[in-house]
Amino acid sequence: MKIEAFTDREATAFPGVEGVTIRWMIGKRDDAPNFAMRVIEVEPGCQTPFHSHDYEHEVFILQGEGVIKDADAQEHHIETGSTVFIRANEEHGFYNRGEGVLRFICMVPHVEGLEPVGVGETGDVC
């Protein structure tokens, strides 16, 4: 069993992405065989890149509000307590439209080259 505060893991900035950090909370280094849990924070007025992945991921909004854009450029409101399921290859981007930090859990399957091996290494944005 592993129990720790999310602040015990280093928040790593994404290169070239202003105002977005990631904390790899649970993953292969913790002997989790199937999934990785990440906490992503987006500062007010900032956003993740519009992108897609070859894998699904599940998101739970812990704090804040904003929108997630889909492939049709439609904006869907998200706020504390919202859940989001993103299918494999579905284009998306998270945008913080609130006044505080947009913080969310993002669960992804283990994908070769995505998960960091050591502290301070980064993987893909949510």
C-alpha atoms as a PDB file:
ATOM      1  CA  MET A   1       0.000   0.000   0.000  1.00  0.00           C
ATOM      2  CA  LYS A   2       1.165   3.520  -0.751  1.00  0.00           C
ATOM      3  CA  ILE A   3      -0.200   6.675   0.851  1.00  0.00           C
ATOM      4  CA  GLU A   4       1.280  10.119   0.312  1.00  0.00           C
ATOM      5  CA  ALA A   5       0.277  13.731  -0.226  1.00  0.00           C
ATOM      6  CA  PHE A   6       0.257  14.865  -3.838  1.00  0.00           C
ATOM      7  CA  THR A   7       2.608  17.679  -2.813  1.00  0.00           C
ATOM      8  CA  ASP A   8       5.223  15.029  -1.936  1.00  0.00           C
ATOM      9  CA  ARG A   9       5.774  14.488  -5.679  1.00  0.00           C
ATOM     10  CA  GLU A  10       7.625  17.105  -7.685  1.00  0.00           C
ATOM     11  CA  ALA A  11       5.521  19.302  -9.977  1.00  0.00           C
ATOM     12  CA  THR A  12       7.342  19.303 -13.305  1.00  0.00           C
ATOM     13  CA  ALA A  13       6.689  21.956 -15.949  1.00  0.00           C
ATOM     14  CA  PHE A  14       6.018  20.863 -19.507  1.00  0.00           C
ATOM     15  CA  PRO A  15       8.692  22.186 -21.880  1.00  0.00           C
ATOM     16  CA  GLY A  16       7.198  24.864 -24.113  1.00  0.00           C
ATOM     17  CA  VAL A  17       3.827  24.834 -22.306  1.00  0.00           C
ATOM     18  CA  GLU A  18       3.364  27.853 -20.069  1.00  0.00           C
ATOM     19  CA  GLY A  19       1.516  27.431 -16.776  1.00  0.00           C
ATOM     20  CA  VAL A  20       1.017  23.646 -16.866  1.00  0.00           C
ATOM     21  CA  THR A  21       2.638  21.174 -14.451  1.00  0.00           C
ATOM     22  CA  ILE A  22       2.365  17.435 -13.880  1.00  0.00           C
ATOM     23  CA  ARG A  23       2.972  15.203 -10.868  1.00  0.00           C
ATOM     24  CA  TRP A  24       3.340  11.457 -11.521  1.00  0.00           C
ATOM     25  CA  MET A  25       1.616  10.108  -8.405  1.00  0.00           C
ATOM     26  CA  ILE A  26       1.364   6.367  -9.050  1.00  0.00           C
ATOM     27  CA  GLY A  27       2.990   4.338 -11.792  1.00  0.00           C
ATOM     28  CA  LYS A  28       5.367   1.555 -12.683  1.00  0.00           C
ATOM     29  CA  ARG A  29       7.927   2.657 -10.103  1.00  0.00           C
ATOM     30  CA  ASP A  30       5.237   2.003  -7.478  1.00  0.00           C
ATOM     31  CA  ASP A  31       4.586  -1.497  -8.852  1.00  0.00           C
ATOM     32  CA  ALA A  32       1.243  -0.456 -10.374  1.00  0.00           C
ATOM     33  CA  PRO A  33       1.007  -2.919 -13.288  1.00  0.00           C
ATOM     34  CA  ASN A  34      -1.717  -1.335 -15.438  1.00  0.00           C
ATOM     35  CA  PHE A  35      -2.240   2.394 -14.972  1.00  0.00           C
ATOM     36  CA  ALA A  36      -0.517   5.623 -14.021  1.00  0.00           C
ATOM     37  CA  MET A  37      -2.163   8.356 -11.951  1.00  0.00           C
ATOM     38  CA  ARG A  38      -1.116  11.931 -12.584  1.00  0.00           C
ATOM     39  CA  VAL A  39      -2.135  15.264 -11.067  1.00  0.00           C
ATOM     40  CA  ILE A  40      -2.067  18.057 -13.632  1.00  0.00           C
ATOM     41  CA  GLU A  41      -2.331  21.743 -12.763  1.00  0.00           C
ATOM     42  CA  VAL A  42      -3.193  24.493 -15.229  1.00  0.00           C
ATOM     43  CA  GLU A  43      -2.720  28.099 -14.112  1.00  0.00           C
ATOM     44  CA  PRO A  44      -5.424  30.723 -14.816  1.00  0.00           C
ATOM     45  CA  GLY A  45      -5.427  31.787 -18.464  1.00  0.00           C
ATOM     46  CA  CYS A  46      -3.253  28.829 -19.502  1.00  0.00           C
ATOM     47  CA  GLN A  47      -4.022  25.643 -21.416  1.00  0.00           C
ATOM     48  CA  THR A  48      -2.743  22.249 -22.421  1.00  0.00           C
ATOM     49  CA  PRO A  49      -1.951  21.856 -26.120  1.00  0.00           C
ATOM     50  CA  PHE A  50      -4.769  20.640 -28.366  1.00  0.00           C
ATOM     51  CA  HIS A  51      -3.756  17.035 -29.032  1.00  0.00           C
ATOM     52  CA  SER A  52      -4.713  13.353 -29.114  1.00  0.00           C
ATOM     53  CA  HIS A  53      -3.252  10.046 -27.889  1.00  0.00           C
ATOM     54  CA  ASP A  54      -3.346   6.409 -28.977  1.00  0.00           C
ATOM     55  CA  TYR A  55      -4.874   5.539 -25.602  1.00  0.00           C
ATOM     56  CA  GLU A  56      -7.907   6.464 -23.522  1.00  0.00           C
ATOM     57  CA  HIS A  57      -7.722   8.418 -20.318  1.00  0.00           C
ATOM     58  CA  GLU A  58     -10.009   9.275 -17.469  1.00  0.00           C
ATOM     59  CA  VAL A  59     -10.067  12.644 -15.720  1.00  0.00           C
ATOM     60  CA  PHE A  60     -11.527  13.872 -12.427  1.00  0.00           C
ATOM     61  CA  ILE A  61     -11.530  17.629 -11.757  1.00  0.00           C
ATOM     62  CA  LEU A  62     -10.296  18.245  -8.217  1.00  0.00           C
ATOM     63  CA  GLN A  63     -10.354  22.045  -8.225  1.00  0.00           C
ATOM     64  CA  GLY A  64     -11.160  24.964 -10.475  1.00  0.00           C
ATOM     65  CA  GLU A  65     -13.124  25.481 -13.642  1.00  0.00           C
ATOM     66  CA  GLY A  66     -12.563  25.773 -17.328  1.00  0.00           C
ATOM     67  CA  VAL A  67     -13.422  24.105 -20.596  1.00  0.00           C
ATOM     68  CA  ILE A  68     -12.299  21.118 -22.576  1.00  0.00           C
ATOM     69  CA  LYS A  69     -12.400  21.531 -26.353  1.00  0.00           C
ATOM     70  CA  ASP A  70     -13.213  18.606 -28.618  1.00  0.00           C
ATOM     71  CA  ALA A  71     -12.308  17.835 -32.254  1.00  0.00           C
ATOM     72  CA  ASP A  72     -15.189  20.041 -33.467  1.00  0.00           C
ATOM     73  CA  ALA A  73     -13.835  22.993 -31.424  1.00  0.00           C
ATOM     74  CA  GLN A  74     -16.872  22.752 -29.130  1.00  0.00           C
ATOM     75  CA  GLU A  75     -16.209  23.901 -25.581  1.00  0.00           C
ATOM     76  CA  HIS A  76     -17.541  21.780 -22.719  1.00  0.00           C
ATOM     77  CA  HIS A  77     -17.649  23.354 -19.251  1.00  0.00           C
ATOM     78  CA  ILE A  78     -15.742  21.521 -16.503  1.00  0.00           C
ATOM     79  CA  GLU A  79     -15.575  22.334 -12.806  1.00  0.00           C
ATOM     80  CA  THR A  80     -14.756  20.796  -9.442  1.00  0.00           C
ATOM     81  CA  GLY A  81     -16.301  17.320  -9.361  1.00  0.00           C
ATOM     82  CA  SER A  82     -16.603  16.886 -13.149  1.00  0.00           C
ATOM     83  CA  THR A  83     -15.501  13.613 -14.733  1.00  0.00           C
ATOM     84  CA  VAL A  84     -14.224  13.331 -18.305  1.00  0.00           C
ATOM     85  CA  PHE A  85     -13.663  10.224 -20.427  1.00  0.00           C
ATOM     86  CA  ILE A  86     -11.411  10.790 -23.438  1.00  0.00           C
ATOM     87  CA  ARG A  87     -11.370   8.001 -26.001  1.00  0.00           C
ATOM     88  CA  ALA A  88      -8.220   6.891 -27.804  1.00  0.00           C
ATOM     89  CA  ASN A  89      -7.344   9.277 -30.667  1.00  0.00           C
ATOM     90  CA  GLU A  90      -9.957  11.842 -29.569  1.00  0.00           C
ATOM     91  CA  GLU A  91      -8.574  15.382 -29.941  1.00  0.00           C
ATOM     92  CA  HIS A  92      -8.876  17.545 -26.845  1.00  0.00           C
ATOM     93  CA  GLY A  93      -7.382  20.384 -24.844  1.00  0.00           C
ATOM     94  CA  PHE A  94      -7.949  21.709 -21.320  1.00  0.00           C
ATOM     95  CA  TYR A  95      -8.343  25.474 -20.863  1.00  0.00           C
ATOM     96  CA  ASN A  96      -8.393  27.208 -17.479  1.00  0.00           C
ATOM     97  CA  ARG A  97     -11.027  29.945 -17.666  1.00  0.00           C
ATOM     98  CA  GLY A  98     -11.284  30.389 -13.912  1.00  0.00           C
ATOM     99  CA  GLU A  99      -9.503  32.641 -11.445  1.00  0.00           C
ATOM    100  CA  GLY A 100      -7.734  29.837  -9.569  1.00  0.00           C
ATOM    101  CA  VAL A 101      -5.713  26.765 -10.476  1.00  0.00           C
ATOM    102  CA  LEU A 102      -7.441  24.055 -12.522  1.00  0.00           C
ATOM    103  CA  ARG A 103      -6.256  20.817 -10.893  1.00  0.00           C
ATOM    104  CA  PHE A 104      -7.242  17.351 -12.060  1.00  0.00           C
ATOM    105  CA  ILE A 105      -6.386  13.678 -11.793  1.00  0.00           C
ATOM    106  CA  CYS A 106      -5.610  12.045 -15.126  1.00  0.00           C
ATOM    107  CA  MET A 107      -5.407   8.245 -15.323  1.00  0.00           C
ATOM    108  CA  VAL A 108      -3.652   6.644 -18.290  1.00  0.00           C
ATOM    109  CA  PRO A 109      -2.620   3.082 -19.151  1.00  0.00           C
ATOM    110  CA  HIS A 110       1.074   2.320 -19.183  1.00  0.00           C
ATOM    111  CA  VAL A 111       2.394   3.327 -22.597  1.00  0.00           C
ATOM    112  CA  GLU A 112       6.008   2.809 -23.664  1.00  0.00           C
ATOM    113  CA  GLY A 113       7.903   6.091 -23.401  1.00  0.00           C
ATOM    114  CA  LEU A 114       5.122   7.981 -21.628  1.00  0.00           C
ATOM    115  CA  GLU A 115       5.755   7.382 -17.965  1.00  0.00           C
ATOM    116  CA  PRO A 116       8.865   8.756 -16.284  1.00  0.00           C
ATOM    117  CA  VAL A 117      11.369   6.345 -14.834  1.00  0.00           C
ATOM    118  CA  GLY A 118      12.797   8.723 -12.256  1.00  0.00           C
ATOM    119  CA  VAL A 119      11.708  11.809 -10.388  1.00  0.00           C
ATOM    120  CA  GLY A 120      11.772  14.947 -12.493  1.00  0.00           C
ATOM    121  CA  GLU A 121      11.299  13.257 -15.876  1.00  0.00           C
ATOM    122  CA  THR A 122       8.217  14.250 -17.817  1.00  0.00           C
ATOM    123  CA  GLY A 123       5.768  12.391 -19.969  1.00  0.00           C
ATOM    124  CA  ASP A 124       2.936  13.417 -22.241  1.00  0.00           C
ATOM    125  CA  VAL A 125       0.433  16.108 -21.337  1.00  0.00           C
ATOM    126  CA  CYS A 126      -3.135  15.005 -20.592  1.00  0.00           C
END
